[in-house]
């Protein structure tokens, strides 16, 4: 259960005032004792009251005299530097409260104008009913918002520019020797997918190098056999070449169903 906030004002009722004095005096003495013990400082307390003939002191008379003597040895300006009485203490509290109030009013005004600005941007509000002070505050808020956005854009541009990395094109892997159809498909796919300008392929012999020793009649016979038996494998072509069948060949110049 939270404790009720006490109104800081003189207690008119005598019995209530006396009870409050005893309770608060005990708490004050306890706080001074804790402060001195925890922080290792010299402190004392002297309390005069109409309810007791002698002032109540803490820790004792000798301790109070030692602290007072130390205080008197200080320069006069230093003595009064942080010295306050009840009037000056209350004035400090009032000044602090006024500053907090002004700060809160300013924050509330900014939130109010921000809400109006977003309502106007979304079409849910209008500036037709605003008075001149409101328009001035709204204009200042819009200008500040635009500046913040511009600074943010510039910051993002700098970050993007600073993090740019040069990308080197990948090296093109060596091509395996396969059928002509495989080579053409591989070439097209690489050009489309990788965007590289392909260099000229290494030359692959279409005919077995051993055929270079054939005579004219032998070469003629090889060509005749190749035309008459297109389904046989390689038939003197280079290694890895096979006949690629066409299901429907529309080429009138080459009506054969096989193509090397």
C-alpha atoms as a PDB file:
ATOM      1  CA  UNK A   1       0.000   0.000   0.000  1.00  0.00           C
ATOM      2  CA  UNK A   2       1.455   3.348  -1.038  1.00  0.00           C
ATOM      3  CA  UNK A   3       1.949   6.012   1.578  1.00  0.00           C
ATOM      4  CA  UNK A   4      -0.199   9.125   1.278  1.00  0.00           C
ATOM      5  CA  UNK A   5       1.690  12.242   0.259  1.00  0.00           C
ATOM      6  CA  UNK A   6       1.970  14.692   3.158  1.00  0.00           C
ATOM      7  CA  UNK A   7       1.054  18.291   2.510  1.00  0.00           C
ATOM      8  CA  UNK A   8       4.019  20.519   3.323  1.00  0.00           C
ATOM      9  CA  UNK A   9       2.332  23.054   5.595  1.00  0.00           C
ATOM     10  CA  UNK A  10       2.226  23.959   9.286  1.00  0.00           C
ATOM     11  CA  UNK A  11       0.152  21.490  11.309  1.00  0.00           C
ATOM     12  CA  UNK A  12      -2.478  23.473  13.189  1.00  0.00           C
ATOM     13  CA  UNK A  13      -3.513  20.693  15.572  1.00  0.00           C
ATOM     14  CA  UNK A  14      -1.214  20.649  18.639  1.00  0.00           C
ATOM     15  CA  UNK A  15      -1.370  16.937  19.391  1.00  0.00           C
ATOM     16  CA  UNK A  16      -0.880  15.979  15.768  1.00  0.00           C
ATOM     17  CA  UNK A  17       2.026  18.412  15.452  1.00  0.00           C
ATOM     18  CA  UNK A  18       3.727  16.997  18.574  1.00  0.00           C
ATOM     19  CA  UNK A  19       3.300  13.413  17.351  1.00  0.00           C
ATOM     20  CA  UNK A  20       4.735  14.366  13.986  1.00  0.00           C
ATOM     21  CA  UNK A  21       7.690  16.070  15.654  1.00  0.00           C
ATOM     22  CA  UNK A  22       8.649  13.005  17.674  1.00  0.00           C
ATOM     23  CA  UNK A  23       8.332  10.694  14.723  1.00  0.00           C
ATOM     24  CA  UNK A  24      10.252  12.928  12.328  1.00  0.00           C
ATOM     25  CA  UNK A  25      12.982  13.716  14.873  1.00  0.00           C
ATOM     26  CA  UNK A  26      13.657  10.032  15.349  1.00  0.00           C
ATOM     27  CA  UNK A  27      13.858   9.523  11.587  1.00  0.00           C
ATOM     28  CA  UNK A  28      16.202  12.513  11.186  1.00  0.00           C
ATOM     29  CA  UNK A  29      18.608  11.232  13.813  1.00  0.00           C
ATOM     30  CA  UNK A  30      18.597   7.821  12.169  1.00  0.00           C
ATOM     31  CA  UNK A  31      19.399   9.324   8.746  1.00  0.00           C
ATOM     32  CA  UNK A  32      22.301  11.384  10.113  1.00  0.00           C
ATOM     33  CA  UNK A  33      23.712   8.299  11.784  1.00  0.00           C
ATOM     34  CA  UNK A  34      23.414   6.284   8.546  1.00  0.00           C
ATOM     35  CA  UNK A  35      25.029   9.054   6.495  1.00  0.00           C
ATOM     36  CA  UNK A  36      27.998   9.320   8.849  1.00  0.00           C
ATOM     37  CA  UNK A  37      28.487   5.554   9.098  1.00  0.00           C
ATOM     38  CA  UNK A  38      28.067   4.651   5.417  1.00  0.00           C
ATOM     39  CA  UNK A  39      30.063   7.551   3.956  1.00  0.00           C
ATOM     40  CA  UNK A  40      32.602   8.063   6.769  1.00  0.00           C
ATOM     41  CA  UNK A  41      31.923  11.809   7.138  1.00  0.00           C
ATOM     42  CA  UNK A  42      31.717  14.157  10.107  1.00  0.00           C
ATOM     43  CA  UNK A  43      28.113  15.171  10.785  1.00  0.00           C
ATOM     44  CA  UNK A  44      26.064  16.442  13.683  1.00  0.00           C
ATOM     45  CA  UNK A  45      22.486  17.433  14.426  1.00  0.00           C
ATOM     46  CA  UNK A  46      21.114  20.001  16.891  1.00  0.00           C
ATOM     47  CA  UNK A  47      17.354  20.200  17.390  1.00  0.00           C
ATOM     48  CA  UNK A  48      15.528  22.793  19.495  1.00  0.00           C
ATOM     49  CA  UNK A  49      11.848  22.268  20.254  1.00  0.00           C
ATOM     50  CA  UNK A  50       9.175  23.748  22.518  1.00  0.00           C
ATOM     51  CA  UNK A  51       8.483  20.280  23.880  1.00  0.00           C
ATOM     52  CA  UNK A  52      11.884  19.826  25.551  1.00  0.00           C
ATOM     53  CA  UNK A  53      13.919  22.153  27.775  1.00  0.00           C
ATOM     54  CA  UNK A  54      17.333  21.155  26.355  1.00  0.00           C
ATOM     55  CA  UNK A  55      18.209  20.809  22.673  1.00  0.00           C
ATOM     56  CA  UNK A  56      18.690  17.311  21.422  1.00  0.00           C
ATOM     57  CA  UNK A  57      22.041  16.660  19.757  1.00  0.00           C
ATOM     58  CA  UNK A  58      23.662  13.896  17.789  1.00  0.00           C
ATOM     59  CA  UNK A  59      26.068  12.144  18.282  1.00  0.00           C
ATOM     60  CA  UNK A  60      26.924  13.907  21.559  1.00  0.00           C
ATOM     61  CA  UNK A  61      28.110  17.300  22.831  1.00  0.00           C
ATOM     62  CA  UNK A  62      31.802  16.593  22.117  1.00  0.00           C
ATOM     63  CA  UNK A  63      31.035  15.413  18.614  1.00  0.00           C
ATOM     64  CA  UNK A  64      28.912  18.481  17.909  1.00  0.00           C
ATOM     65  CA  UNK A  65      31.621  20.847  19.177  1.00  0.00           C
ATOM     66  CA  UNK A  66      34.240  19.176  16.971  1.00  0.00           C
ATOM     67  CA  UNK A  67      32.105  19.518  13.822  1.00  0.00           C
ATOM     68  CA  UNK A  68      31.228  23.152  14.638  1.00  0.00           C
ATOM     69  CA  UNK A  69      34.880  24.038  15.260  1.00  0.00           C
ATOM     70  CA  UNK A  70      35.783  22.505  11.879  1.00  0.00           C
ATOM     71  CA  UNK A  71      33.045  24.537  10.241  1.00  0.00           C
ATOM     72  CA  UNK A  72      34.201  27.805  11.798  1.00  0.00           C
ATOM     73  CA  UNK A  73      37.742  27.286  10.531  1.00  0.00           C
ATOM     74  CA  UNK A  74      36.487  27.450   6.959  1.00  0.00           C
ATOM     75  CA  UNK A  75      36.600  30.806   5.043  1.00  0.00           C
ATOM     76  CA  UNK A  76      33.438  32.853   5.395  1.00  0.00           C
ATOM     77  CA  UNK A  77      32.599  32.566   1.706  1.00  0.00           C
ATOM     78  CA  UNK A  78      32.908  28.795   1.877  1.00  0.00           C
ATOM     79  CA  UNK A  79      30.692  28.634   4.939  1.00  0.00           C
ATOM     80  CA  UNK A  80      27.753  30.327   3.226  1.00  0.00           C
ATOM     81  CA  UNK A  81      28.300  28.747  -0.187  1.00  0.00           C
ATOM     82  CA  UNK A  82      25.791  25.931   0.346  1.00  0.00           C
ATOM     83  CA  UNK A  83      24.078  27.237   3.430  1.00  0.00           C
ATOM     84  CA  UNK A  84      20.276  27.515   3.175  1.00  0.00           C
ATOM     85  CA  UNK A  85      17.460  28.408   5.487  1.00  0.00           C
ATOM     86  CA  UNK A  86      13.823  27.503   5.132  1.00  0.00           C
ATOM     87  CA  UNK A  87      13.029  30.506   2.937  1.00  0.00           C
ATOM     88  CA  UNK A  88      15.887  29.960   0.509  1.00  0.00           C
ATOM     89  CA  UNK A  89      15.192  26.222   0.420  1.00  0.00           C
ATOM     90  CA  UNK A  90      11.564  26.831  -0.528  1.00  0.00           C
ATOM     91  CA  UNK A  91      12.631  29.321  -3.219  1.00  0.00           C
ATOM     92  CA  UNK A  92      14.967  26.728  -4.710  1.00  0.00           C
ATOM     93  CA  UNK A  93      12.164  24.195  -4.759  1.00  0.00           C
ATOM     94  CA  UNK A  94       9.842  26.684  -6.472  1.00  0.00           C
ATOM     95  CA  UNK A  95      12.450  27.552  -9.111  1.00  0.00           C
ATOM     96  CA  UNK A  96      13.086  23.879  -9.826  1.00  0.00           C
ATOM     97  CA  UNK A  97       9.366  23.164 -10.075  1.00  0.00           C
ATOM     98  CA  UNK A  98       8.881  26.080 -12.516  1.00  0.00           C
ATOM     99  CA  UNK A  99      11.686  24.787 -14.738  1.00  0.00           C
ATOM    100  CA  UNK A 100      10.160  21.320 -14.783  1.00  0.00           C
ATOM    101  CA  UNK A 101       6.752  22.828 -15.602  1.00  0.00           C
ATOM    102  CA  UNK A 102       8.158  24.811 -18.557  1.00  0.00           C
ATOM    103  CA  UNK A 103       9.916  21.730 -19.866  1.00  0.00           C
ATOM    104  CA  UNK A 104       6.744  19.676 -19.622  1.00  0.00           C
ATOM    105  CA  UNK A 105       4.680  22.369 -21.367  1.00  0.00           C
ATOM    106  CA  UNK A 106       7.202  22.459 -24.215  1.00  0.00           C
ATOM    107  CA  UNK A 107       7.137  18.664 -24.601  1.00  0.00           C
ATOM    108  CA  UNK A 108       3.334  18.619 -24.600  1.00  0.00           C
ATOM    109  CA  UNK A 109       3.262  21.379 -27.230  1.00  0.00           C
ATOM    110  CA  UNK A 110       5.659  19.459 -29.493  1.00  0.00           C
ATOM    111  CA  UNK A 111       3.577  16.288 -29.178  1.00  0.00           C
ATOM    112  CA  UNK A 112       0.407  18.233 -29.951  1.00  0.00           C
ATOM    113  CA  UNK A 113       1.898  19.840 -33.080  1.00  0.00           C
ATOM    114  CA  UNK A 114       3.355  16.488 -34.176  1.00  0.00           C
ATOM    115  CA  UNK A 115      -0.094  14.942 -33.958  1.00  0.00           C
ATOM    116  CA  UNK A 116      -1.561  17.808 -36.023  1.00  0.00           C
ATOM    117  CA  UNK A 117       1.204  17.415 -38.638  1.00  0.00           C
ATOM    118  CA  UNK A 118       0.594  13.678 -39.088  1.00  0.00           C
ATOM    119  CA  UNK A 119      -3.175  14.204 -39.243  1.00  0.00           C
ATOM    120  CA  UNK A 120      -2.682  16.750 -42.042  1.00  0.00           C
ATOM    121  CA  UNK A 121      -0.347  14.380 -43.909  1.00  0.00           C
ATOM    122  CA  UNK A 122      -2.872  11.532 -43.766  1.00  0.00           C
ATOM    123  CA  UNK A 123      -5.788  13.774 -44.702  1.00  0.00           C
ATOM    124  CA  UNK A 124      -7.520  13.383 -41.342  1.00  0.00           C
ATOM    125  CA  UNK A 125      -6.911  16.962 -40.219  1.00  0.00           C
ATOM    126  CA  UNK A 126      -6.720  20.516 -41.526  1.00  0.00           C
ATOM    127  CA  UNK A 127      -4.933  23.739 -40.622  1.00  0.00           C
ATOM    128  CA  UNK A 128      -7.971  25.888 -41.331  1.00  0.00           C
ATOM    129  CA  UNK A 129      -8.921  26.149 -37.657  1.00  0.00           C
ATOM    130  CA  UNK A 130      -5.415  26.854 -36.330  1.00  0.00           C
ATOM    131  CA  UNK A 131      -4.545  30.252 -34.927  1.00  0.00           C
ATOM    132  CA  UNK A 132      -1.345  32.137 -35.728  1.00  0.00           C
ATOM    133  CA  UNK A 133       0.738  30.784 -32.777  1.00  0.00           C
ATOM    134  CA  UNK A 134      -0.283  27.264 -33.731  1.00  0.00           C
ATOM    135  CA  UNK A 135       0.695  27.851 -37.356  1.00  0.00           C
ATOM    136  CA  UNK A 136       4.075  29.242 -36.303  1.00  0.00           C
ATOM    137  CA  UNK A 137       4.769  26.236 -34.079  1.00  0.00           C
ATOM    138  CA  UNK A 138       3.600  23.833 -36.789  1.00  0.00           C
ATOM    139  CA  UNK A 139       5.807  25.518 -39.399  1.00  0.00           C
ATOM    140  CA  UNK A 140       8.823  25.302 -37.128  1.00  0.00           C
ATOM    141  CA  UNK A 141       8.131  21.615 -36.478  1.00  0.00           C
ATOM    142  CA  UNK A 142       7.795  20.878 -40.213  1.00  0.00           C
ATOM    143  CA  UNK A 143      11.090  22.656 -40.964  1.00  0.00           C
ATOM    144  CA  UNK A 144      12.865  20.724 -38.226  1.00  0.00           C
ATOM    145  CA  UNK A 145      11.406  17.432 -39.473  1.00  0.00           C
ATOM    146  CA  UNK A 146      12.572  18.139 -43.041  1.00  0.00           C
ATOM    147  CA  UNK A 147      16.073  18.918 -41.766  1.00  0.00           C
ATOM    148  CA  UNK A 148      16.159  15.688 -39.779  1.00  0.00           C
ATOM    149  CA  UNK A 149      15.063  13.683 -42.826  1.00  0.00           C
ATOM    150  CA  UNK A 150      17.669  15.381 -45.030  1.00  0.00           C
ATOM    151  CA  UNK A 151      20.433  14.625 -42.511  1.00  0.00           C
ATOM    152  CA  UNK A 152      19.284  11.025 -42.353  1.00  0.00           C
ATOM    153  CA  UNK A 153      19.325  10.691 -46.151  1.00  0.00           C
ATOM    154  CA  UNK A 154      22.838  12.152 -46.353  1.00  0.00           C
ATOM    155  CA  UNK A 155      24.006   9.787 -43.632  1.00  0.00           C
ATOM    156  CA  UNK A 156      22.586   6.778 -45.471  1.00  0.00           C
ATOM    157  CA  UNK A 157      24.212   7.901 -48.716  1.00  0.00           C
ATOM    158  CA  UNK A 158      27.609   8.185 -47.020  1.00  0.00           C
ATOM    159  CA  UNK A 159      27.212   4.750 -45.450  1.00  0.00           C
ATOM    160  CA  UNK A 160      26.235   3.222 -48.797  1.00  0.00           C
ATOM    161  CA  UNK A 161      29.175   4.873 -50.580  1.00  0.00           C
ATOM    162  CA  UNK A 162      31.653   3.853 -47.900  1.00  0.00           C
ATOM    163  CA  UNK A 163      30.557   0.217 -47.931  1.00  0.00           C
ATOM    164  CA  UNK A 164      30.720  -0.198 -51.724  1.00  0.00           C
ATOM    165  CA  UNK A 165      32.839  -3.213 -52.711  1.00  0.00           C
ATOM    166  CA  UNK A 166      34.265  -3.853 -56.187  1.00  0.00           C
ATOM    167  CA  UNK A 167      33.095  -7.213 -57.495  1.00  0.00           C
ATOM    168  CA  UNK A 168      35.484  -9.061 -59.775  1.00  0.00           C
ATOM    169  CA  UNK A 169      33.941 -11.356 -62.408  1.00  0.00           C
ATOM    170  CA  UNK A 170      34.207 -15.037 -61.753  1.00  0.00           C
ATOM    171  CA  UNK A 171      36.730 -17.032 -63.721  1.00  0.00           C
ATOM    172  CA  UNK A 172      35.124 -19.105 -66.427  1.00  0.00           C
ATOM    173  CA  UNK A 173      35.674 -22.813 -65.688  1.00  0.00           C
ATOM    174  CA  UNK A 174      37.106 -25.020 -68.434  1.00  0.00           C
ATOM    175  CA  UNK A 175      34.494 -26.619 -70.674  1.00  0.00           C
ATOM    176  CA  UNK A 176      34.171 -30.349 -70.881  1.00  0.00           C
ATOM    177  CA  UNK A 177      34.257 -32.022 -74.279  1.00  0.00           C
ATOM    178  CA  UNK A 178      30.734 -33.194 -75.006  1.00  0.00           C
ATOM    179  CA  UNK A 179      28.258 -33.242 -77.846  1.00  0.00           C
ATOM    180  CA  UNK A 180      27.728 -30.208 -80.031  1.00  0.00           C
ATOM    181  CA  UNK A 181      24.221 -29.761 -78.636  1.00  0.00           C
ATOM    182  CA  UNK A 182      25.564 -29.808 -75.072  1.00  0.00           C
ATOM    183  CA  UNK A 183      28.210 -27.210 -75.922  1.00  0.00           C
ATOM    184  CA  UNK A 184      25.693 -24.854 -77.537  1.00  0.00           C
ATOM    185  CA  UNK A 185      23.256 -25.159 -74.613  1.00  0.00           C
ATOM    186  CA  UNK A 186      26.050 -24.624 -72.079  1.00  0.00           C
ATOM    187  CA  UNK A 187      27.277 -21.551 -73.963  1.00  0.00           C
ATOM    188  CA  UNK A 188      23.844 -19.944 -74.081  1.00  0.00           C
ATOM    189  CA  UNK A 189      23.159 -20.641 -70.416  1.00  0.00           C
ATOM    190  CA  UNK A 190      26.486 -19.209 -69.294  1.00  0.00           C
ATOM    191  CA  UNK A 191      26.050 -16.059 -71.380  1.00  0.00           C
ATOM    192  CA  UNK A 192      22.538 -15.474 -70.026  1.00  0.00           C
ATOM    193  CA  UNK A 193      23.125 -16.373 -66.382  1.00  0.00           C
ATOM    194  CA  UNK A 194      26.600 -15.024 -65.739  1.00  0.00           C
ATOM    195  CA  UNK A 195      26.645 -12.035 -68.084  1.00  0.00           C
ATOM    196  CA  UNK A 196      30.240 -12.670 -69.097  1.00  0.00           C
ATOM    197  CA  UNK A 197      31.699 -12.107 -72.561  1.00  0.00           C
ATOM    198  CA  UNK A 198      32.902 -15.553 -73.420  1.00  0.00           C
ATOM    199  CA  UNK A 199      36.208 -16.001 -75.146  1.00  0.00           C
ATOM    200  CA  UNK A 200      36.557 -18.225 -78.198  1.00  0.00           C
ATOM    201  CA  UNK A 201      36.312 -21.858 -77.259  1.00  0.00           C
ATOM    202  CA  UNK A 202      39.295 -24.014 -77.571  1.00  0.00           C
ATOM    203  CA  UNK A 203      39.231 -25.868 -80.859  1.00  0.00           C
ATOM    204  CA  UNK A 204      37.912 -29.414 -80.564  1.00  0.00           C
ATOM    205  CA  UNK A 205      38.674 -31.780 -83.425  1.00  0.00           C
ATOM    206  CA  UNK A 206      35.507 -32.950 -85.151  1.00  0.00           C
ATOM    207  CA  UNK A 207      37.271 -35.923 -86.727  1.00  0.00           C
ATOM    208  CA  UNK A 208      39.585 -38.384 -85.093  1.00  0.00           C
ATOM    209  CA  UNK A 209      43.202 -37.254 -85.686  1.00  0.00           C
ATOM    210  CA  UNK A 210      44.076 -40.789 -86.760  1.00  0.00           C
ATOM    211  CA  UNK A 211      42.118 -40.221 -89.962  1.00  0.00           C
ATOM    212  CA  UNK A 212      44.757 -37.806 -91.205  1.00  0.00           C
ATOM    213  CA  UNK A 213      46.708 -40.774 -92.480  1.00  0.00           C
ATOM    214  CA  UNK A 214      43.869 -42.047 -94.662  1.00  0.00           C
ATOM    215  CA  UNK A 215      44.135 -41.921 -98.412  1.00  0.00           C
ATOM    216  CA  UNK A 216      41.581 -40.335-100.694  1.00  0.00           C
ATOM    217  CA  UNK A 217      39.697 -43.571-101.307  1.00  0.00           C
ATOM    218  CA  UNK A 218      39.615 -44.387 -97.584  1.00  0.00           C
ATOM    219  CA  UNK A 219      38.156 -40.958 -96.710  1.00  0.00           C
ATOM    220  CA  UNK A 220      35.524 -41.325 -99.406  1.00  0.00           C
ATOM    221  CA  UNK A 221      34.588 -44.742 -98.044  1.00  0.00           C
ATOM    222  CA  UNK A 222      34.398 -43.319 -94.480  1.00  0.00           C
ATOM    223  CA  UNK A 223      32.031 -40.569 -95.594  1.00  0.00           C
ATOM    224  CA  UNK A 224      29.848 -43.054 -97.485  1.00  0.00           C
ATOM    225  CA  UNK A 225      29.648 -45.333 -94.421  1.00  0.00           C
ATOM    226  CA  UNK A 226      28.810 -42.356 -92.229  1.00  0.00           C
ATOM    227  CA  UNK A 227      25.937 -41.329 -94.535  1.00  0.00           C
ATOM    228  CA  UNK A 228      24.563 -44.861 -94.825  1.00  0.00           C
ATOM    229  CA  UNK A 229      24.916 -45.789 -91.084  1.00  0.00           C
ATOM    230  CA  UNK A 230      24.092 -42.678 -89.055  1.00  0.00           C
ATOM    231  CA  UNK A 231      23.030 -44.624 -85.959  1.00  0.00           C
ATOM    232  CA  UNK A 232      26.491 -45.999 -85.259  1.00  0.00           C
ATOM    233  CA  UNK A 233      28.520 -44.286 -82.551  1.00  0.00           C
ATOM    234  CA  UNK A 234      31.278 -41.805 -83.365  1.00  0.00           C
ATOM    235  CA  UNK A 235      32.265 -43.323 -86.665  1.00  0.00           C
ATOM    236  CA  UNK A 236      35.629 -41.700 -86.632  1.00  0.00           C
ATOM    237  CA  UNK A 237      34.523 -38.461 -84.938  1.00  0.00           C
ATOM    238  CA  UNK A 238      36.466 -37.001 -82.076  1.00  0.00           C
ATOM    239  CA  UNK A 239      36.259 -38.532 -78.585  1.00  0.00           C
ATOM    240  CA  UNK A 240      33.027 -37.873 -76.674  1.00  0.00           C
ATOM    241  CA  UNK A 241      30.943 -37.111 -79.782  1.00  0.00           C
ATOM    242  CA  UNK A 242      27.798 -39.079 -80.337  1.00  0.00           C
ATOM    243  CA  UNK A 243      24.953 -38.852 -82.775  1.00  0.00           C
ATOM    244  CA  UNK A 244      22.139 -36.675 -81.492  1.00  0.00           C
ATOM    245  CA  UNK A 245      18.754 -37.980 -82.779  1.00  0.00           C
ATOM    246  CA  UNK A 246      15.966 -35.590 -83.800  1.00  0.00           C
ATOM    247  CA  UNK A 247      12.427 -36.882 -83.363  1.00  0.00           C
ATOM    248  CA  UNK A 248      11.023 -34.526 -85.981  1.00  0.00           C
ATOM    249  CA  UNK A 249      13.633 -32.969 -88.207  1.00  0.00           C
ATOM    250  CA  UNK A 250      12.137 -30.117 -90.288  1.00  0.00           C
ATOM    251  CA  UNK A 251      15.414 -29.425 -92.121  1.00  0.00           C
ATOM    252  CA  UNK A 252      14.831 -30.209 -95.776  1.00  0.00           C
ATOM    253  CA  UNK A 253      18.520 -29.879 -96.592  1.00  0.00           C
ATOM    254  CA  UNK A 254      19.395 -32.596 -94.029  1.00  0.00           C
ATOM    255  CA  UNK A 255      16.450 -34.962 -93.761  1.00  0.00           C
ATOM    256  CA  UNK A 256      18.387 -37.490 -91.722  1.00  0.00           C
ATOM    257  CA  UNK A 257      17.147 -38.179 -88.153  1.00  0.00           C
ATOM    258  CA  UNK A 258      20.651 -38.032 -86.757  1.00  0.00           C
ATOM    259  CA  UNK A 259      23.022 -35.103 -86.470  1.00  0.00           C
ATOM    260  CA  UNK A 260      26.602 -35.322 -85.214  1.00  0.00           C
END
